[in-house]
Amino acid sequence: MSVMDKLKQMLKGHEDKAGQGIDKAGDFVDDKTQGKYSGQVDSAQDKLKDQLGRDQDQPPQS
């Protein structure tokens, strides 16, 4: 079982709170880097939310 599978299992039913945590972490990074990497941070946030929100039976979106 991969780390991502374990995280999905732990967060099952709490996807909204996980999304809020991802947003808060991204905002923290943007603040500390003065927005220098905001594009990369936003991309990482979207990918992480996609990974956590997707069911295990669904194939990854390209």
PDB file of N, CA and C in Angstrom:
ATOM      1  N   MET A   1       0.859  -1.172   0.000  1.00  0.00           N
ATOM      2  CA  MET A   1       0.000   0.000   0.000  1.00  0.00           C
ATOM      3  C   MET A   1       0.905   1.234   0.000  1.00  0.00           C
ATOM      4  N   SER A   2       0.634   2.110  -0.945  1.00  0.00           N
ATOM      5  CA  SER A   2       1.458   3.313  -1.070  1.00  0.00           C
ATOM      6  C   SER A   2       1.098   4.342   0.006  1.00  0.00           C
ATOM      7  N   VAL A   3       1.939   5.313   0.157  1.00  0.00           N
ATOM      8  CA  VAL A   3       1.705   6.382   1.127  1.00  0.00           C
ATOM      9  C   VAL A   3       0.426   7.134   0.778  1.00  0.00           C
ATOM     10  N   MET A   4       0.206   7.396  -0.522  1.00  0.00           N
ATOM     11  CA  MET A   4      -0.995   8.117  -0.947  1.00  0.00           C
ATOM     12  C   MET A   4      -2.248   7.313  -0.608  1.00  0.00           C
ATOM     13  N   ASP A   5      -2.192   5.998  -0.765  1.00  0.00           N
ATOM     14  CA  ASP A   5      -3.343   5.159  -0.410  1.00  0.00           C
ATOM     15  C   ASP A   5      -3.628   5.233   1.091  1.00  0.00           C
ATOM     16  N   LYS A   6      -2.577   5.252   1.889  1.00  0.00           N
ATOM     17  CA  LYS A   6      -2.752   5.354   3.337  1.00  0.00           C
ATOM     18  C   LYS A   6      -3.361   6.705   3.717  1.00  0.00           C
ATOM     19  N   LEU A   7      -2.894   7.776   3.060  1.00  0.00           N
ATOM     20  CA  LEU A   7      -3.462   9.099   3.327  1.00  0.00           C
ATOM     21  C   LEU A   7      -4.939   9.153   2.945  1.00  0.00           C
ATOM     22  N   LYS A   8      -5.270   8.601   1.784  1.00  0.00           N
ATOM     23  CA  LYS A   8      -6.667   8.586   1.340  1.00  0.00           C
ATOM     24  C   LYS A   8      -7.537   7.846   2.344  1.00  0.00           C
ATOM     25  N   GLN A   9      -7.031   6.734   2.851  1.00  0.00           N
ATOM     26  CA  GLN A   9      -7.775   5.937   3.820  1.00  0.00           C
ATOM     27  C   GLN A   9      -7.985   6.715   5.121  1.00  0.00           C
ATOM     28  N   MET A  10      -6.967   7.421   5.565  1.00  0.00           N
ATOM     29  CA  MET A  10      -7.070   8.192   6.803  1.00  0.00           C
ATOM     30  C   MET A  10      -8.021   9.372   6.657  1.00  0.00           C
ATOM     31  N   LEU A  11      -8.055   9.985   5.469  1.00  0.00           N
ATOM     32  CA  LEU A  11      -8.844  11.192   5.256  1.00  0.00           C
ATOM     33  C   LEU A  11     -10.244  10.915   4.735  1.00  0.00           C
ATOM     34  N   LYS A  12     -10.586   9.667   4.540  1.00  0.00           N
ATOM     35  CA  LYS A  12     -11.895   9.320   3.985  1.00  0.00           C
ATOM     36  C   LYS A  12     -12.999   9.938   4.844  1.00  0.00           C
ATOM     37  N   GLY A  13     -13.866  10.698   4.200  1.00  0.00           N
ATOM     38  CA  GLY A  13     -14.940  11.374   4.905  1.00  0.00           C
ATOM     39  C   GLY A  13     -14.580  12.773   5.375  1.00  0.00           C
ATOM     40  N   HIS A  14     -13.319  13.147   5.230  1.00  0.00           N
ATOM     41  CA  HIS A  14     -12.855  14.461   5.675  1.00  0.00           C
ATOM     42  C   HIS A  14     -12.150  15.191   4.541  1.00  0.00           C
ATOM     43  N   GLU A  15     -12.594  14.959   3.318  1.00  0.00           N
ATOM     44  CA  GLU A  15     -11.947  15.549   2.151  1.00  0.00           C
ATOM     45  C   GLU A  15     -11.991  17.077   2.179  1.00  0.00           C
ATOM     46  N   ASP A  16     -13.096  17.623   2.697  1.00  0.00           N
ATOM     47  CA  ASP A  16     -13.217  19.083   2.753  1.00  0.00           C
ATOM     48  C   ASP A  16     -12.175  19.692   3.688  1.00  0.00           C
ATOM     49  N   LYS A  17     -11.945  19.068   4.822  1.00  0.00           N
ATOM     50  CA  LYS A  17     -10.934  19.563   5.767  1.00  0.00           C
ATOM     51  C   LYS A  17      -9.530  19.409   5.196  1.00  0.00           C
ATOM     52  N   ALA A  18      -9.296  18.313   4.468  1.00  0.00           N
ATOM     53  CA  ALA A  18      -7.991  18.112   3.841  1.00  0.00           C
ATOM     54  C   ALA A  18      -7.750  19.199   2.803  1.00  0.00           C
ATOM     55  N   GLY A  19      -8.777  19.530   2.024  1.00  0.00           N
ATOM     56  CA  GLY A  19      -8.659  20.592   1.026  1.00  0.00           C
ATOM     57  C   GLY A  19      -8.351  21.934   1.663  1.00  0.00           C
ATOM     58  N   GLN A  20      -8.981  22.203   2.801  1.00  0.00           N
ATOM     59  CA  GLN A  20      -8.713  23.453   3.512  1.00  0.00           C
ATOM     60  C   GLN A  20      -7.262  23.483   4.007  1.00  0.00           C
ATOM     61  N   GLY A  21      -6.765  22.341   4.460  1.00  0.00           N
ATOM     62  CA  GLY A  21      -5.376  22.255   4.914  1.00  0.00           C
ATOM     63  C   GLY A  21      -4.393  22.475   3.786  1.00  0.00           C
ATOM     64  N   ILE A  22      -4.709  21.931   2.619  1.00  0.00           N
ATOM     65  CA  ILE A  22      -3.855  22.121   1.444  1.00  0.00           C
ATOM     66  C   ILE A  22      -3.818  23.595   1.062  1.00  0.00           C
ATOM     67  N   ASP A  23      -4.990  24.245   1.081  1.00  0.00           N
ATOM     68  CA  ASP A  23      -5.057  25.672   0.769  1.00  0.00           C
ATOM     69  C   ASP A  23      -4.251  26.498   1.765  1.00  0.00           C
ATOM     70  N   LYS A  24      -4.383  26.162   3.036  1.00  0.00           N
ATOM     71  CA  LYS A  24      -3.678  26.904   4.079  1.00  0.00           C
ATOM     72  C   LYS A  24      -2.164  26.730   3.948  1.00  0.00           C
ATOM     73  N   ALA A  25      -1.726  25.511   3.647  1.00  0.00           N
ATOM     74  CA  ALA A  25      -0.292  25.268   3.465  1.00  0.00           C
ATOM     75  C   ALA A  25       0.236  26.033   2.260  1.00  0.00           C
ATOM     76  N   GLY A  26      -0.534  26.054   1.175  1.00  0.00           N
ATOM     77  CA  GLY A  26      -0.122  26.802  -0.009  1.00  0.00           C
ATOM     78  C   GLY A  26      -0.033  28.286   0.259  1.00  0.00           C
ATOM     79  N   ASP A  27      -0.993  28.804   1.007  1.00  0.00           N
ATOM     80  CA  ASP A  27      -0.970  30.229   1.368  1.00  0.00           C
ATOM     81  C   ASP A  27       0.254  30.549   2.219  1.00  0.00           C
ATOM     82  N   PHE A  28       0.618  29.634   3.110  1.00  0.00           N
ATOM     83  CA  PHE A  28       1.790  29.817   3.963  1.00  0.00           C
ATOM     84  C   PHE A  28       3.057  29.895   3.111  1.00  0.00           C
ATOM     85  N   VAL A  29       3.172  28.961   2.150  1.00  0.00           N
ATOM     86  CA  VAL A  29       4.349  28.958   1.277  1.00  0.00           C
ATOM     87  C   VAL A  29       4.386  30.239   0.447  1.00  0.00           C
ATOM     88  N   ASP A  30       3.235  30.647  -0.094  1.00  0.00           N
ATOM     89  CA  ASP A  30       3.188  31.887  -0.865  1.00  0.00           C
ATOM     90  C   ASP A  30       3.618  33.081  -0.023  1.00  0.00           C
ATOM     91  N   ASP A  31       3.190  33.107   1.222  1.00  0.00           N
ATOM     92  CA  ASP A  31       3.543  34.202   2.116  1.00  0.00           C
ATOM     93  C   ASP A  31       5.052  34.226   2.388  1.00  0.00           C
ATOM     94  N   LYS A  32       5.614  33.060   2.670  1.00  0.00           N
ATOM     95  CA  LYS A  32       7.040  32.981   2.998  1.00  0.00           C
ATOM     96  C   LYS A  32       7.933  33.265   1.795  1.00  0.00           C
ATOM     97  N   THR A  33       7.456  32.946   0.588  1.00  0.00           N
ATOM     98  CA  THR A  33       8.252  33.192  -0.616  1.00  0.00           C
ATOM     99  C   THR A  33       7.837  34.477  -1.324  1.00  0.00           C
ATOM    100  N   GLN A  34       6.956  35.223  -0.687  1.00  0.00           N
ATOM    101  CA  GLN A  34       6.457  36.493  -1.218  1.00  0.00           C
ATOM    102  C   GLN A  34       5.842  36.317  -2.612  1.00  0.00           C
ATOM    103  N   GLY A  35       5.170  35.175  -2.815  1.00  0.00           N
ATOM    104  CA  GLY A  35       4.459  34.908  -4.054  1.00  0.00           C
ATOM    105  C   GLY A  35       5.334  34.559  -5.238  1.00  0.00           C
ATOM    106  N   LYS A  36       6.620  34.396  -5.012  1.00  0.00           N
ATOM    107  CA  LYS A  36       7.565  34.132  -6.100  1.00  0.00           C
ATOM    108  C   LYS A  36       7.237  32.832  -6.843  1.00  0.00           C
ATOM    109  N   TYR A  37       6.714  31.843  -6.137  1.00  0.00           N
ATOM    110  CA  TYR A  37       6.426  30.547  -6.729  1.00  0.00           C
ATOM    111  C   TYR A  37       4.934  30.234  -6.713  1.00  0.00           C
ATOM    112  N   SER A  38       4.110  31.253  -6.776  1.00  0.00           N
ATOM    113  CA  SER A  38       2.669  31.044  -6.625  1.00  0.00           C
ATOM    114  C   SER A  38       2.092  30.142  -7.713  1.00  0.00           C
ATOM    115  N   GLY A  39       2.602  30.210  -8.922  1.00  0.00           N
ATOM    116  CA  GLY A  39       2.126  29.337  -9.997  1.00  0.00           C
ATOM    117  C   GLY A  39       2.412  27.874  -9.705  1.00  0.00           C
ATOM    118  N   GLN A  40       3.617  27.596  -9.240  1.00  0.00           N
ATOM    119  CA  GLN A  40       3.985  26.231  -8.903  1.00  0.00           C
ATOM    120  C   GLN A  40       3.217  25.735  -7.684  1.00  0.00           C
ATOM    121  N   VAL A  41       3.003  26.613  -6.715  1.00  0.00           N
ATOM    122  CA  VAL A  41       2.263  26.240  -5.508  1.00  0.00           C
ATOM    123  C   VAL A  41       0.817  25.926  -5.871  1.00  0.00           C
ATOM    124  N   ASP A  42       0.208  26.751  -6.708  1.00  0.00           N
ATOM    125  CA  ASP A  42      -1.174  26.506  -7.128  1.00  0.00           C
ATOM    126  C   ASP A  42      -1.299  25.190  -7.884  1.00  0.00           C
ATOM    127  N   SER A  43      -0.342  24.906  -8.733  1.00  0.00           N
ATOM    128  CA  SER A  43      -0.343  23.658  -9.491  1.00  0.00           C
ATOM    129  C   SER A  43      -0.225  22.454  -8.551  1.00  0.00           C
ATOM    130  N   ALA A  44       0.669  22.559  -7.582  1.00  0.00           N
ATOM    131  CA  ALA A  44       0.846  21.465  -6.614  1.00  0.00           C
ATOM    132  C   ALA A  44      -0.421  21.267  -5.777  1.00  0.00           C
ATOM    133  N   GLN A  45      -1.057  22.367  -5.390  1.00  0.00           N
ATOM    134  CA  GLN A  45      -2.299  22.269  -4.617  1.00  0.00           C
ATOM    135  C   GLN A  45      -3.372  21.548  -5.431  1.00  0.00           C
ATOM    136  N   ASP A  46      -3.517  21.916  -6.686  1.00  0.00           N
ATOM    137  CA  ASP A  46      -4.525  21.286  -7.539  1.00  0.00           C
ATOM    138  C   ASP A  46      -4.260  19.793  -7.712  1.00  0.00           C
ATOM    139  N   LYS A  47      -3.000  19.436  -7.945  1.00  0.00           N
ATOM    140  CA  LYS A  47      -2.657  18.027  -8.136  1.00  0.00           C
ATOM    141  C   LYS A  47      -2.894  17.222  -6.860  1.00  0.00           C
ATOM    142  N   LEU A  48      -2.544  17.787  -5.728  1.00  0.00           N
ATOM    143  CA  LEU A  48      -2.740  17.082  -4.463  1.00  0.00           C
ATOM    144  C   LEU A  48      -4.222  16.912  -4.150  1.00  0.00           C
ATOM    145  N   LYS A  49      -5.000  17.958  -4.384  1.00  0.00           N
ATOM    146  CA  LYS A  49      -6.446  17.849  -4.166  1.00  0.00           C
ATOM    147  C   LYS A  49      -7.050  16.809  -5.095  1.00  0.00           C
ATOM    148  N   ASP A  50      -6.569  16.747  -6.333  1.00  0.00           N
ATOM    149  CA  ASP A  50      -7.048  15.758  -7.288  1.00  0.00           C
ATOM    150  C   ASP A  50      -6.724  14.346  -6.802  1.00  0.00           C
ATOM    151  N   GLN A  51      -5.508  14.161  -6.313  1.00  0.00           N
ATOM    152  CA  GLN A  51      -5.105  12.843  -5.824  1.00  0.00           C
ATOM    153  C   GLN A  51      -5.920  12.412  -4.605  1.00  0.00           C
ATOM    154  N   LEU A  52      -6.160  13.321  -3.703  1.00  0.00           N
ATOM    155  CA  LEU A  52      -6.892  12.973  -2.489  1.00  0.00           C
ATOM    156  C   LEU A  52      -8.381  12.815  -2.750  1.00  0.00           C
ATOM    157  N   GLY A  53      -8.889  13.513  -3.747  1.00  0.00           N
ATOM    158  CA  GLY A  53     -10.314  13.469  -4.016  1.00  0.00           C
ATOM    159  C   GLY A  53     -10.739  12.348  -4.933  1.00  0.00           C
ATOM    160  N   ARG A  54      -9.806  11.754  -5.652  1.00  0.00           N
ATOM    161  CA  ARG A  54     -10.128  10.715  -6.615  1.00  0.00           C
ATOM    162  C   ARG A  54     -10.280   9.372  -5.915  1.00  0.00           C
ATOM    163  N   ASP A  55     -11.263   8.603  -6.352  1.00  0.00           N
ATOM    164  CA  ASP A  55     -11.439   7.254  -5.819  1.00  0.00           C
ATOM    165  C   ASP A  55     -10.305   6.370  -6.295  1.00  0.00           C
ATOM    166  N   GLN A  56     -10.005   5.321  -5.545  1.00  0.00           N
ATOM    167  CA  GLN A  56      -8.913   4.440  -5.901  1.00  0.00           C
ATOM    168  C   GLN A  56      -9.206   3.646  -7.169  1.00  0.00           C
ATOM    169  N   ASP A  57     -10.479   3.436  -7.499  1.00  0.00           N
ATOM    170  CA  ASP A  57     -10.849   2.647  -8.664  1.00  0.00           C
ATOM    171  C   ASP A  57     -10.756   3.433  -9.962  1.00  0.00           C
ATOM    172  N   GLN A  58     -10.698   4.762  -9.876  1.00  0.00           N
ATOM    173  CA  GLN A  58     -10.657   5.589 -11.070  1.00  0.00           C
ATOM    174  C   GLN A  58      -9.231   5.741 -11.556  1.00  0.00           C
ATOM    175  N   PRO A  59      -9.029   5.719 -12.876  1.00  0.00           N
ATOM    176  CA  PRO A  59      -7.676   5.940 -13.405  1.00  0.00           C
ATOM    177  C   PRO A  59      -7.285   7.400 -13.262  1.00  0.00           C
ATOM    178  N   PRO A  60      -5.998   7.688 -13.202  1.00  0.00           N
ATOM    179  CA  PRO A  60      -5.543   9.077 -13.109  1.00  0.00           C
ATOM    180  C   PRO A  60      -5.945   9.856 -14.353  1.00  0.00           C
ATOM    181  N   GLN A  61      -6.246  11.138 -14.149  1.00  0.00           N
ATOM    182  CA  GLN A  61      -6.616  11.994 -15.266  1.00  0.00           C
ATOM    183  C   GLN A  61      -5.352  12.546 -15.904  1.00  0.00           C
ATOM    184  N   SER A  62      -5.313  12.555 -17.217  1.00  0.00           N
ATOM    185  CA  SER A  62      -4.131  13.046 -17.919  1.00  0.00           C
ATOM    186  C   SER A  62      -4.273  14.500 -18.248  1.00  0.00           C
TER     187      SER A  62
END
